N, C-alpha and C. Protein backbone atom coordinates (compact mmCIF):
# COMPACT_ATOMS: atom_id res chain seq x y z
N MET A 1 39.72 -123.48 23.55
CA MET A 1 40.39 -123.45 24.84
C MET A 1 41.76 -124.13 24.67
N GLN A 2 42.79 -123.33 24.65
CA GLN A 2 44.13 -123.83 24.32
C GLN A 2 44.64 -124.88 25.32
N LEU A 3 44.37 -124.68 26.60
CA LEU A 3 44.80 -125.63 27.62
C LEU A 3 44.26 -127.03 27.31
N LEU A 4 43.01 -127.11 26.92
CA LEU A 4 42.39 -128.39 26.58
C LEU A 4 43.00 -128.98 25.31
N LYS A 5 43.18 -128.16 24.29
CA LYS A 5 43.77 -128.66 23.04
C LYS A 5 45.18 -129.21 23.27
N ASP A 6 45.94 -128.49 24.07
CA ASP A 6 47.30 -128.96 24.38
C ASP A 6 47.27 -130.31 25.09
N ARG A 7 46.32 -130.47 26.01
CA ARG A 7 46.21 -131.72 26.75
C ARG A 7 45.78 -132.87 25.84
N ILE A 8 44.87 -132.58 24.93
CA ILE A 8 44.44 -133.61 23.97
C ILE A 8 45.63 -134.05 23.12
N ARG A 9 46.41 -133.09 22.65
CA ARG A 9 47.58 -133.43 21.83
C ARG A 9 48.59 -134.25 22.63
N ARG A 10 48.79 -133.89 23.88
CA ARG A 10 49.80 -134.57 24.70
C ARG A 10 49.34 -135.95 25.16
N ASP A 11 48.10 -136.06 25.63
CA ASP A 11 47.67 -137.30 26.27
C ASP A 11 46.54 -138.04 25.58
N GLY A 12 45.91 -137.43 24.59
CA GLY A 12 44.84 -138.10 23.86
C GLY A 12 45.41 -139.17 22.94
N ILE A 13 44.64 -140.21 22.72
CA ILE A 13 45.06 -141.32 21.85
C ILE A 13 44.02 -141.46 20.75
N VAL A 14 44.49 -141.35 19.50
CA VAL A 14 43.62 -141.50 18.34
C VAL A 14 43.62 -142.96 17.93
N LYS A 15 42.41 -143.52 17.82
CA LYS A 15 42.26 -144.93 17.44
C LYS A 15 41.43 -145.02 16.17
N GLU A 16 41.52 -146.17 15.52
CA GLU A 16 40.72 -146.42 14.30
C GLU A 16 39.24 -146.22 14.62
N GLY A 17 38.48 -145.85 13.59
CA GLY A 17 37.04 -145.69 13.76
C GLY A 17 36.65 -144.34 14.33
N ASN A 18 37.52 -143.34 14.17
CA ASN A 18 37.24 -141.98 14.67
C ASN A 18 37.04 -141.92 16.18
N VAL A 19 37.84 -142.70 16.89
CA VAL A 19 37.78 -142.71 18.35
C VAL A 19 38.95 -141.89 18.90
N LEU A 20 38.63 -140.97 19.78
CA LEU A 20 39.64 -140.18 20.49
C LEU A 20 39.55 -140.53 21.96
N LYS A 21 40.56 -141.23 22.46
CA LYS A 21 40.57 -141.62 23.87
C LYS A 21 41.19 -140.51 24.71
N VAL A 22 40.41 -140.02 25.65
CA VAL A 22 40.88 -139.00 26.58
C VAL A 22 40.62 -139.47 28.01
N ASP A 23 40.67 -140.79 28.16
CA ASP A 23 40.31 -141.38 29.45
C ASP A 23 41.35 -141.17 30.54
N SER A 24 42.54 -140.71 30.18
CA SER A 24 43.57 -140.49 31.21
C SER A 24 43.39 -139.15 31.91
N PHE A 25 42.50 -138.28 31.38
CA PHE A 25 42.33 -136.98 32.02
C PHE A 25 40.91 -136.44 32.01
N LEU A 26 39.98 -137.05 31.22
CA LEU A 26 38.65 -136.44 31.12
C LEU A 26 37.51 -137.34 31.55
N ASN A 27 37.53 -138.60 31.14
CA ASN A 27 36.31 -139.37 31.39
C ASN A 27 36.50 -140.79 31.94
N HIS A 28 37.62 -141.07 32.50
CA HIS A 28 37.81 -142.29 33.30
C HIS A 28 38.61 -141.88 34.53
N GLN A 29 39.83 -141.46 34.29
CA GLN A 29 40.59 -140.73 35.31
C GLN A 29 40.38 -139.26 34.97
N MET A 30 40.06 -138.45 35.98
CA MET A 30 39.74 -137.05 35.72
C MET A 30 40.77 -136.13 36.35
N ASP A 31 41.29 -135.22 35.56
CA ASP A 31 42.19 -134.19 36.03
C ASP A 31 41.32 -133.03 36.54
N ILE A 32 41.21 -132.93 37.85
CA ILE A 32 40.27 -131.97 38.45
C ILE A 32 40.70 -130.53 38.18
N ALA A 33 41.98 -130.28 38.12
CA ALA A 33 42.43 -128.91 37.80
C ALA A 33 41.98 -128.53 36.39
N LEU A 34 42.09 -129.46 35.45
CA LEU A 34 41.62 -129.20 34.09
C LEU A 34 40.10 -129.05 34.07
N LEU A 35 39.38 -129.93 34.75
CA LEU A 35 37.93 -129.82 34.80
C LEU A 35 37.49 -128.50 35.42
N ASN A 36 38.25 -128.03 36.40
CA ASN A 36 37.95 -126.74 37.01
C ASN A 36 38.04 -125.61 35.97
N GLU A 37 39.06 -125.66 35.14
CA GLU A 37 39.22 -124.64 34.09
C GLU A 37 38.12 -124.78 33.04
N ILE A 38 37.71 -126.00 32.75
CA ILE A 38 36.61 -126.23 31.82
C ILE A 38 35.32 -125.63 32.38
N GLY A 39 35.05 -125.89 33.65
CA GLY A 39 33.85 -125.32 34.29
C GLY A 39 33.87 -123.81 34.28
N ARG A 40 35.01 -123.23 34.56
CA ARG A 40 35.16 -121.77 34.55
C ARG A 40 34.91 -121.22 33.14
N GLU A 41 35.40 -121.93 32.12
CA GLU A 41 35.20 -121.49 30.73
C GLU A 41 33.74 -121.57 30.32
N PHE A 42 33.06 -122.63 30.72
CA PHE A 42 31.63 -122.71 30.41
C PHE A 42 30.86 -121.57 31.10
N ARG A 43 31.24 -121.24 32.32
CA ARG A 43 30.58 -120.12 33.01
C ARG A 43 30.81 -118.81 32.26
N ARG A 44 32.03 -118.63 31.75
CA ARG A 44 32.33 -117.43 31.00
C ARG A 44 31.51 -117.37 29.70
N ARG A 45 31.42 -118.51 29.02
CA ARG A 45 30.72 -118.54 27.73
C ARG A 45 29.20 -118.41 27.87
N PHE A 46 28.67 -118.81 29.00
CA PHE A 46 27.23 -118.71 29.21
C PHE A 46 26.88 -117.71 30.32
N ALA A 47 27.73 -116.71 30.49
CA ALA A 47 27.55 -115.72 31.57
C ALA A 47 26.25 -114.95 31.46
N ASP A 48 25.75 -114.77 30.26
CA ASP A 48 24.53 -113.98 30.07
C ASP A 48 23.26 -114.81 30.23
N LYS A 49 23.38 -116.08 30.54
CA LYS A 49 22.22 -116.96 30.66
C LYS A 49 21.84 -117.15 32.13
N ASP A 50 20.55 -117.18 32.38
CA ASP A 50 20.02 -117.39 33.73
C ASP A 50 19.75 -118.88 33.91
N ILE A 51 20.78 -119.63 34.25
CA ILE A 51 20.69 -121.10 34.34
C ILE A 51 20.15 -121.50 35.72
N THR A 52 19.18 -122.44 35.72
CA THR A 52 18.67 -122.96 37.00
C THR A 52 19.06 -124.42 37.22
N LYS A 53 19.39 -125.14 36.13
CA LYS A 53 19.79 -126.54 36.25
C LYS A 53 20.82 -126.85 35.17
N ILE A 54 21.72 -127.76 35.50
CA ILE A 54 22.62 -128.32 34.50
C ILE A 54 22.20 -129.77 34.31
N LEU A 55 22.06 -130.15 33.03
CA LEU A 55 21.63 -131.50 32.68
C LEU A 55 22.74 -132.18 31.90
N THR A 56 23.01 -133.43 32.24
CA THR A 56 23.98 -134.24 31.51
C THR A 56 23.45 -135.65 31.44
N ILE A 57 24.27 -136.54 30.89
CA ILE A 57 23.87 -137.94 30.77
C ILE A 57 24.90 -138.80 31.48
N GLU A 58 24.43 -139.87 32.04
CA GLU A 58 25.28 -140.83 32.72
C GLU A 58 26.26 -141.42 31.70
N ALA A 59 27.50 -141.55 31.91
CA ALA A 59 28.23 -141.33 33.13
C ALA A 59 29.34 -140.28 32.91
N SER A 60 29.89 -140.21 31.71
CA SER A 60 31.09 -139.39 31.51
C SER A 60 30.88 -137.90 31.69
N GLY A 61 29.68 -137.42 31.51
CA GLY A 61 29.43 -135.99 31.66
C GLY A 61 29.25 -135.53 33.09
N ILE A 62 29.07 -136.46 34.01
CA ILE A 62 28.70 -136.08 35.37
C ILE A 62 29.78 -135.24 36.06
N GLY A 63 31.02 -135.67 36.01
CA GLY A 63 32.10 -134.92 36.66
C GLY A 63 32.23 -133.52 36.11
N ILE A 64 32.17 -133.39 34.79
CA ILE A 64 32.28 -132.08 34.14
C ILE A 64 31.11 -131.20 34.54
N ALA A 65 29.92 -131.78 34.52
CA ALA A 65 28.72 -131.03 34.89
C ALA A 65 28.78 -130.55 36.34
N CYS A 66 29.25 -131.40 37.24
CA CYS A 66 29.32 -131.03 38.65
C CYS A 66 30.27 -129.86 38.89
N ILE A 67 31.42 -129.91 38.28
CA ILE A 67 32.36 -128.81 38.47
C ILE A 67 31.83 -127.54 37.82
N THR A 68 31.21 -127.66 36.66
CA THR A 68 30.62 -126.50 36.00
C THR A 68 29.51 -125.90 36.87
N ALA A 69 28.71 -126.76 37.48
CA ALA A 69 27.59 -126.30 38.31
C ALA A 69 28.03 -125.42 39.48
N GLN A 70 29.24 -125.66 39.98
CA GLN A 70 29.75 -124.82 41.07
C GLN A 70 29.83 -123.36 40.65
N TYR A 71 30.15 -123.12 39.39
CA TYR A 71 30.28 -121.75 38.90
C TYR A 71 28.93 -121.08 38.66
N PHE A 72 27.89 -121.88 38.47
CA PHE A 72 26.53 -121.35 38.30
C PHE A 72 25.73 -121.40 39.59
N ASN A 73 26.23 -122.14 40.57
CA ASN A 73 25.55 -122.34 41.85
C ASN A 73 24.15 -122.92 41.65
N VAL A 74 24.09 -123.99 40.83
CA VAL A 74 22.84 -124.67 40.54
C VAL A 74 23.03 -126.18 40.66
N PRO A 75 21.93 -126.93 40.78
CA PRO A 75 22.06 -128.39 40.84
C PRO A 75 22.35 -129.01 39.48
N VAL A 76 22.87 -130.23 39.54
CA VAL A 76 23.08 -131.05 38.35
C VAL A 76 22.05 -132.17 38.36
N VAL A 77 21.43 -132.39 37.21
CA VAL A 77 20.53 -133.52 37.02
C VAL A 77 21.17 -134.36 35.91
N PHE A 78 21.24 -135.67 36.12
CA PHE A 78 21.77 -136.49 35.04
C PHE A 78 20.75 -137.53 34.62
N ALA A 79 20.65 -137.70 33.30
CA ALA A 79 19.77 -138.70 32.73
C ALA A 79 20.40 -140.07 32.97
N LYS A 80 19.61 -140.95 33.57
CA LYS A 80 20.09 -142.30 33.87
C LYS A 80 19.81 -143.22 32.70
N LYS A 81 20.72 -144.16 32.49
CA LYS A 81 20.59 -145.09 31.38
C LYS A 81 19.81 -146.35 31.75
N ALA A 82 19.33 -146.42 32.96
CA ALA A 82 18.56 -147.59 33.38
C ALA A 82 17.59 -147.21 34.49
N GLN A 83 16.42 -147.77 34.41
CA GLN A 83 15.43 -147.60 35.48
C GLN A 83 15.92 -148.39 36.69
N SER A 84 15.73 -147.83 37.87
CA SER A 84 16.10 -148.55 39.09
C SER A 84 14.99 -148.38 40.11
N ILE A 85 15.05 -149.16 41.16
CA ILE A 85 14.01 -149.06 42.19
C ILE A 85 14.11 -147.75 42.96
N ASN A 86 15.25 -147.06 42.84
CA ASN A 86 15.42 -145.77 43.51
C ASN A 86 14.64 -144.65 42.83
N ILE A 87 14.27 -144.84 41.58
CA ILE A 87 13.52 -143.80 40.87
C ILE A 87 12.04 -144.13 40.99
N ASP A 88 11.38 -143.32 41.80
CA ASP A 88 9.95 -143.54 41.98
C ASP A 88 9.17 -142.43 41.28
N GLY A 89 7.97 -142.75 40.87
CA GLY A 89 7.13 -141.75 40.25
C GLY A 89 7.35 -141.63 38.75
N GLU A 90 6.86 -140.55 38.21
CA GLU A 90 6.88 -140.30 36.78
C GLU A 90 8.26 -139.86 36.30
N VAL A 91 8.58 -140.22 35.06
CA VAL A 91 9.88 -139.86 34.48
C VAL A 91 9.67 -139.32 33.07
N TYR A 92 10.64 -138.52 32.63
CA TYR A 92 10.76 -138.16 31.22
C TYR A 92 11.73 -139.18 30.64
N SER A 93 11.51 -139.59 29.40
CA SER A 93 12.42 -140.57 28.82
C SER A 93 12.66 -140.28 27.34
N SER A 94 13.78 -140.79 26.86
CA SER A 94 14.15 -140.66 25.46
C SER A 94 15.06 -141.82 25.11
N LYS A 95 15.07 -142.20 23.84
CA LYS A 95 15.99 -143.23 23.36
C LYS A 95 17.22 -142.53 22.80
N ILE A 96 18.39 -143.01 23.21
CA ILE A 96 19.65 -142.41 22.77
C ILE A 96 20.59 -143.51 22.30
N GLU A 97 21.15 -143.32 21.10
CA GLU A 97 22.14 -144.27 20.59
C GLU A 97 23.53 -143.76 20.92
N SER A 98 24.32 -144.59 21.57
CA SER A 98 25.68 -144.23 21.94
C SER A 98 26.64 -144.51 20.79
N PHE A 99 27.38 -143.46 20.36
CA PHE A 99 28.40 -143.64 19.32
C PHE A 99 29.49 -144.58 19.82
N THR A 100 29.91 -144.39 21.07
CA THR A 100 31.02 -145.16 21.63
C THR A 100 30.65 -146.63 21.85
N HIS A 101 29.46 -146.85 22.41
CA HIS A 101 29.09 -148.22 22.78
C HIS A 101 28.25 -148.93 21.73
N LYS A 102 27.85 -148.21 20.67
CA LYS A 102 27.03 -148.81 19.61
C LYS A 102 25.81 -149.51 20.20
N LYS A 103 25.13 -148.80 21.09
CA LYS A 103 24.00 -149.37 21.81
C LYS A 103 22.94 -148.29 21.98
N VAL A 104 21.67 -148.69 21.99
CA VAL A 104 20.57 -147.76 22.22
C VAL A 104 20.15 -147.86 23.68
N TYR A 105 20.07 -146.70 24.34
CA TYR A 105 19.67 -146.65 25.75
C TYR A 105 18.34 -145.91 25.87
N ASP A 106 17.50 -146.37 26.80
CA ASP A 106 16.35 -145.59 27.23
C ASP A 106 16.85 -144.76 28.40
N VAL A 107 16.97 -143.46 28.24
CA VAL A 107 17.46 -142.61 29.33
C VAL A 107 16.28 -141.93 29.99
N ILE A 108 16.40 -141.75 31.29
CA ILE A 108 15.27 -141.20 32.06
C ILE A 108 15.73 -140.13 33.04
N VAL A 109 14.82 -139.21 33.29
CA VAL A 109 15.01 -138.18 34.31
C VAL A 109 13.70 -138.11 35.10
N SER A 110 13.80 -138.15 36.40
CA SER A 110 12.61 -138.03 37.24
C SER A 110 11.96 -136.67 37.04
N ARG A 111 10.64 -136.67 36.93
CA ARG A 111 9.89 -135.42 36.75
C ARG A 111 10.04 -134.49 37.97
N ARG A 112 10.46 -135.04 39.09
CA ARG A 112 10.66 -134.21 40.30
C ARG A 112 11.81 -133.23 40.13
N PHE A 113 12.74 -133.52 39.21
CA PHE A 113 13.96 -132.73 39.12
C PHE A 113 14.06 -131.81 37.91
N LEU A 114 13.02 -131.79 37.08
CA LEU A 114 13.04 -130.92 35.91
C LEU A 114 11.60 -130.49 35.63
N ASN A 115 11.39 -129.17 35.53
CA ASN A 115 10.03 -128.68 35.31
C ASN A 115 10.02 -127.46 34.40
N SER A 116 8.83 -126.94 34.16
CA SER A 116 8.65 -125.87 33.18
C SER A 116 9.31 -124.55 33.60
N GLU A 117 9.69 -124.41 34.84
CA GLU A 117 10.34 -123.18 35.28
C GLU A 117 11.86 -123.23 35.10
N ASP A 118 12.38 -124.39 34.75
CA ASP A 118 13.84 -124.54 34.63
C ASP A 118 14.38 -123.98 33.33
N ARG A 119 15.56 -123.40 33.48
CA ARG A 119 16.34 -122.89 32.34
C ARG A 119 17.63 -123.70 32.37
N VAL A 120 17.80 -124.55 31.38
CA VAL A 120 18.76 -125.65 31.43
C VAL A 120 19.99 -125.38 30.56
N LEU A 121 21.15 -125.70 31.14
CA LEU A 121 22.40 -125.77 30.39
C LEU A 121 22.77 -127.24 30.31
N ILE A 122 22.86 -127.78 29.11
CA ILE A 122 23.26 -129.17 28.91
C ILE A 122 24.78 -129.20 28.77
N ILE A 123 25.40 -130.11 29.51
CA ILE A 123 26.86 -130.27 29.48
C ILE A 123 27.19 -131.72 29.16
N ASP A 124 28.16 -131.94 28.26
CA ASP A 124 28.62 -133.30 27.99
C ASP A 124 30.08 -133.27 27.56
N ASP A 125 30.70 -134.45 27.60
CA ASP A 125 32.12 -134.52 27.26
C ASP A 125 32.35 -134.51 25.76
N PHE A 126 31.56 -135.27 24.99
CA PHE A 126 31.77 -135.38 23.55
C PHE A 126 30.49 -135.08 22.79
N LEU A 127 30.67 -134.56 21.59
CA LEU A 127 29.59 -134.44 20.61
C LEU A 127 30.10 -135.05 19.32
N ALA A 128 29.44 -136.13 18.87
CA ALA A 128 29.82 -136.78 17.61
C ALA A 128 28.64 -136.67 16.64
N ASN A 129 27.72 -137.64 16.72
CA ASN A 129 26.58 -137.62 15.80
C ASN A 129 25.36 -136.89 16.38
N GLY A 130 25.42 -136.51 17.63
CA GLY A 130 24.38 -135.68 18.24
C GLY A 130 23.23 -136.43 18.86
N CYS A 131 23.24 -137.76 18.82
CA CYS A 131 22.10 -138.52 19.35
C CYS A 131 21.85 -138.26 20.83
N ALA A 132 22.90 -138.23 21.62
CA ALA A 132 22.73 -138.00 23.06
C ALA A 132 22.12 -136.62 23.31
N LEU A 133 22.63 -135.61 22.62
CA LEU A 133 22.10 -134.26 22.82
C LEU A 133 20.66 -134.15 22.36
N LEU A 134 20.33 -134.76 21.24
CA LEU A 134 18.94 -134.70 20.76
C LEU A 134 18.00 -135.36 21.77
N GLY A 135 18.45 -136.45 22.39
CA GLY A 135 17.66 -137.09 23.43
C GLY A 135 17.48 -136.21 24.65
N LEU A 136 18.56 -135.54 25.07
CA LEU A 136 18.47 -134.64 26.22
C LEU A 136 17.58 -133.44 25.89
N LEU A 137 17.67 -132.93 24.69
CA LEU A 137 16.79 -131.83 24.27
C LEU A 137 15.33 -132.26 24.30
N GLU A 138 15.07 -133.48 23.91
CA GLU A 138 13.71 -134.02 23.96
C GLU A 138 13.19 -134.07 25.40
N ILE A 139 14.05 -134.46 26.32
CA ILE A 139 13.66 -134.51 27.73
C ILE A 139 13.36 -133.11 28.25
N VAL A 140 14.21 -132.14 27.92
CA VAL A 140 13.97 -130.76 28.36
C VAL A 140 12.65 -130.25 27.80
N GLU A 141 12.40 -130.54 26.54
CA GLU A 141 11.15 -130.11 25.91
C GLU A 141 9.95 -130.78 26.58
N SER A 142 10.06 -132.07 26.87
CA SER A 142 8.98 -132.79 27.55
C SER A 142 8.65 -132.19 28.90
N ALA A 143 9.66 -131.66 29.56
CA ALA A 143 9.47 -131.04 30.87
C ALA A 143 8.88 -129.63 30.76
N GLY A 144 8.85 -129.10 29.54
CA GLY A 144 8.39 -127.73 29.36
C GLY A 144 9.43 -126.71 29.78
N ALA A 145 10.65 -127.18 30.00
CA ALA A 145 11.75 -126.30 30.41
C ALA A 145 12.36 -125.66 29.16
N LYS A 146 13.29 -124.73 29.37
CA LYS A 146 13.95 -124.04 28.25
C LYS A 146 15.43 -124.40 28.25
N THR A 147 15.92 -124.80 27.09
CA THR A 147 17.35 -125.04 26.92
C THR A 147 18.02 -123.71 26.64
N GLU A 148 18.86 -123.27 27.55
CA GLU A 148 19.58 -121.99 27.39
C GLU A 148 20.86 -122.16 26.59
N GLY A 149 21.38 -123.37 26.56
CA GLY A 149 22.60 -123.60 25.81
C GLY A 149 23.13 -125.00 26.05
N ILE A 150 24.15 -125.33 25.27
CA ILE A 150 24.82 -126.62 25.38
C ILE A 150 26.32 -126.38 25.42
N GLY A 151 26.99 -126.96 26.40
CA GLY A 151 28.44 -126.88 26.52
C GLY A 151 29.05 -128.25 26.29
N ILE A 152 29.93 -128.33 25.31
CA ILE A 152 30.59 -129.60 24.96
C ILE A 152 32.09 -129.42 25.15
N VAL A 153 32.74 -130.39 25.74
CA VAL A 153 34.19 -130.31 25.91
C VAL A 153 34.88 -130.54 24.56
N ILE A 154 34.57 -131.66 23.89
CA ILE A 154 35.22 -131.99 22.61
C ILE A 154 34.14 -132.32 21.58
N GLU A 155 34.13 -131.56 20.51
CA GLU A 155 33.21 -131.82 19.40
C GLU A 155 34.01 -132.41 18.24
N LYS A 156 33.48 -133.47 17.65
CA LYS A 156 34.05 -134.04 16.43
C LYS A 156 33.40 -133.30 15.26
N GLY A 157 34.08 -132.26 14.80
CA GLY A 157 33.54 -131.39 13.78
C GLY A 157 33.35 -132.06 12.44
N PHE A 158 33.97 -133.19 12.22
CA PHE A 158 33.84 -133.92 10.96
C PHE A 158 32.61 -134.83 10.96
N GLN A 159 31.88 -134.89 12.08
CA GLN A 159 30.61 -135.60 12.14
C GLN A 159 29.50 -134.56 12.21
N ASP A 160 28.28 -134.96 11.97
CA ASP A 160 27.22 -133.98 11.76
C ASP A 160 26.44 -133.56 13.01
N GLY A 161 26.82 -134.01 14.19
CA GLY A 161 26.07 -133.68 15.40
C GLY A 161 26.00 -132.19 15.69
N GLY A 162 27.13 -131.52 15.58
CA GLY A 162 27.16 -130.08 15.84
C GLY A 162 26.27 -129.31 14.89
N GLU A 163 26.28 -129.71 13.62
CA GLU A 163 25.44 -129.05 12.62
C GLU A 163 23.96 -129.25 12.93
N LYS A 164 23.58 -130.48 13.34
CA LYS A 164 22.18 -130.75 13.69
C LYS A 164 21.70 -129.82 14.80
N ILE A 165 22.54 -129.63 15.81
CA ILE A 165 22.17 -128.79 16.95
C ILE A 165 22.14 -127.32 16.55
N ARG A 166 23.14 -126.87 15.84
CA ARG A 166 23.21 -125.46 15.44
C ARG A 166 22.04 -125.07 14.53
N ARG A 167 21.58 -125.99 13.70
CA ARG A 167 20.43 -125.72 12.82
C ARG A 167 19.17 -125.43 13.64
N GLN A 168 19.12 -125.93 14.87
CA GLN A 168 17.95 -125.68 15.73
C GLN A 168 18.03 -124.31 16.40
N GLY A 169 19.13 -123.59 16.20
CA GLY A 169 19.26 -122.26 16.78
C GLY A 169 19.65 -122.25 18.25
N ILE A 170 20.14 -123.37 18.73
CA ILE A 170 20.54 -123.48 20.14
C ILE A 170 21.99 -123.01 20.29
N ALA A 171 22.26 -122.26 21.34
CA ALA A 171 23.63 -121.81 21.62
C ALA A 171 24.47 -123.02 21.99
N LEU A 172 25.40 -123.38 21.11
CA LEU A 172 26.28 -124.53 21.32
C LEU A 172 27.71 -124.02 21.41
N GLU A 173 28.36 -124.29 22.54
CA GLU A 173 29.75 -123.89 22.75
C GLU A 173 30.59 -125.14 22.96
N SER A 174 31.49 -125.39 22.02
CA SER A 174 32.43 -126.52 22.14
C SER A 174 33.81 -125.96 22.43
N LEU A 175 34.47 -126.49 23.45
CA LEU A 175 35.77 -125.96 23.87
C LEU A 175 36.90 -126.38 22.93
N ALA A 176 36.75 -127.52 22.29
CA ALA A 176 37.73 -127.97 21.29
C ALA A 176 36.96 -128.68 20.19
N ILE A 177 37.10 -128.20 18.96
CA ILE A 177 36.45 -128.84 17.82
C ILE A 177 37.52 -129.52 16.99
N VAL A 178 37.42 -130.84 16.90
CA VAL A 178 38.36 -131.65 16.14
C VAL A 178 37.84 -131.76 14.71
N ASP A 179 38.64 -131.30 13.75
CA ASP A 179 38.23 -131.39 12.35
C ASP A 179 38.79 -132.63 11.66
N ALA A 180 39.87 -133.20 12.16
CA ALA A 180 40.43 -134.40 11.56
C ALA A 180 41.30 -135.13 12.57
N MET A 181 41.34 -136.46 12.42
CA MET A 181 42.20 -137.30 13.25
C MET A 181 42.86 -138.33 12.35
N ASP A 182 44.08 -138.69 12.69
CA ASP A 182 44.80 -139.70 11.93
C ASP A 182 45.32 -140.74 12.92
N ALA A 183 44.70 -141.93 12.90
CA ALA A 183 45.07 -142.98 13.85
C ALA A 183 46.49 -143.49 13.60
N GLU A 184 46.90 -143.55 12.34
CA GLU A 184 48.26 -144.02 12.03
C GLU A 184 49.32 -143.11 12.63
N LYS A 185 49.13 -141.81 12.45
CA LYS A 185 50.10 -140.84 12.95
C LYS A 185 49.81 -140.41 14.39
N GLY A 186 48.61 -140.69 14.87
CA GLY A 186 48.23 -140.29 16.21
C GLY A 186 48.02 -138.79 16.34
N THR A 187 47.59 -138.15 15.25
CA THR A 187 47.46 -136.69 15.25
C THR A 187 46.01 -136.23 15.25
N VAL A 188 45.83 -135.02 15.75
CA VAL A 188 44.52 -134.37 15.80
C VAL A 188 44.68 -132.98 15.20
N VAL A 189 43.72 -132.57 14.36
CA VAL A 189 43.70 -131.22 13.80
C VAL A 189 42.45 -130.54 14.33
N PHE A 190 42.64 -129.38 14.96
CA PHE A 190 41.53 -128.63 15.51
C PHE A 190 41.05 -127.57 14.53
N ARG A 191 39.78 -127.22 14.65
CA ARG A 191 39.19 -126.18 13.80
C ARG A 191 39.99 -124.89 13.94
N GLY A 192 40.23 -124.25 12.81
CA GLY A 192 40.94 -122.99 12.81
C GLY A 192 42.45 -123.12 12.69
N GLU A 193 42.93 -124.34 12.58
CA GLU A 193 44.39 -124.54 12.46
C GLU A 193 44.79 -124.77 11.02
């Protein structure tokens, strides 16, 4: 998606440790016009799928998932990173290690919101080592639901998360795949360039 790549080049900040900051337009401050185009692109890429729910993880994926859900006319369910008194009843859970925060979370989804009749599209902002996606896939499987596909805004192609998911035969669509970053120069190289 050229619009996204251009925005990453213009406003993304490459930091040491393979960190790409896109917080000025994607996951802290959100450019809604850009997110709208991202949602439209995910709808185009998964047009042949009969999606009943969009699943993401707290917190950065929620805005992207919500805008995408408008194009599918389905609800968004997000895995919470903490149990709260608002979640009553049975839950599906998985342990997920965050690349960004270097922390392991127990993520949960109420069983009321995901079941065996659901056909799920997983949406997230980043794919690095794949831990978050593997955890979400585990939750979908626990629910007896079917994962129809995964939509990622930015994939770090130089890490193995995308390969782990693709080996499972799941339809994975990444809008921008970063093959290399240079923190000194502040540059990003996208797949196919």
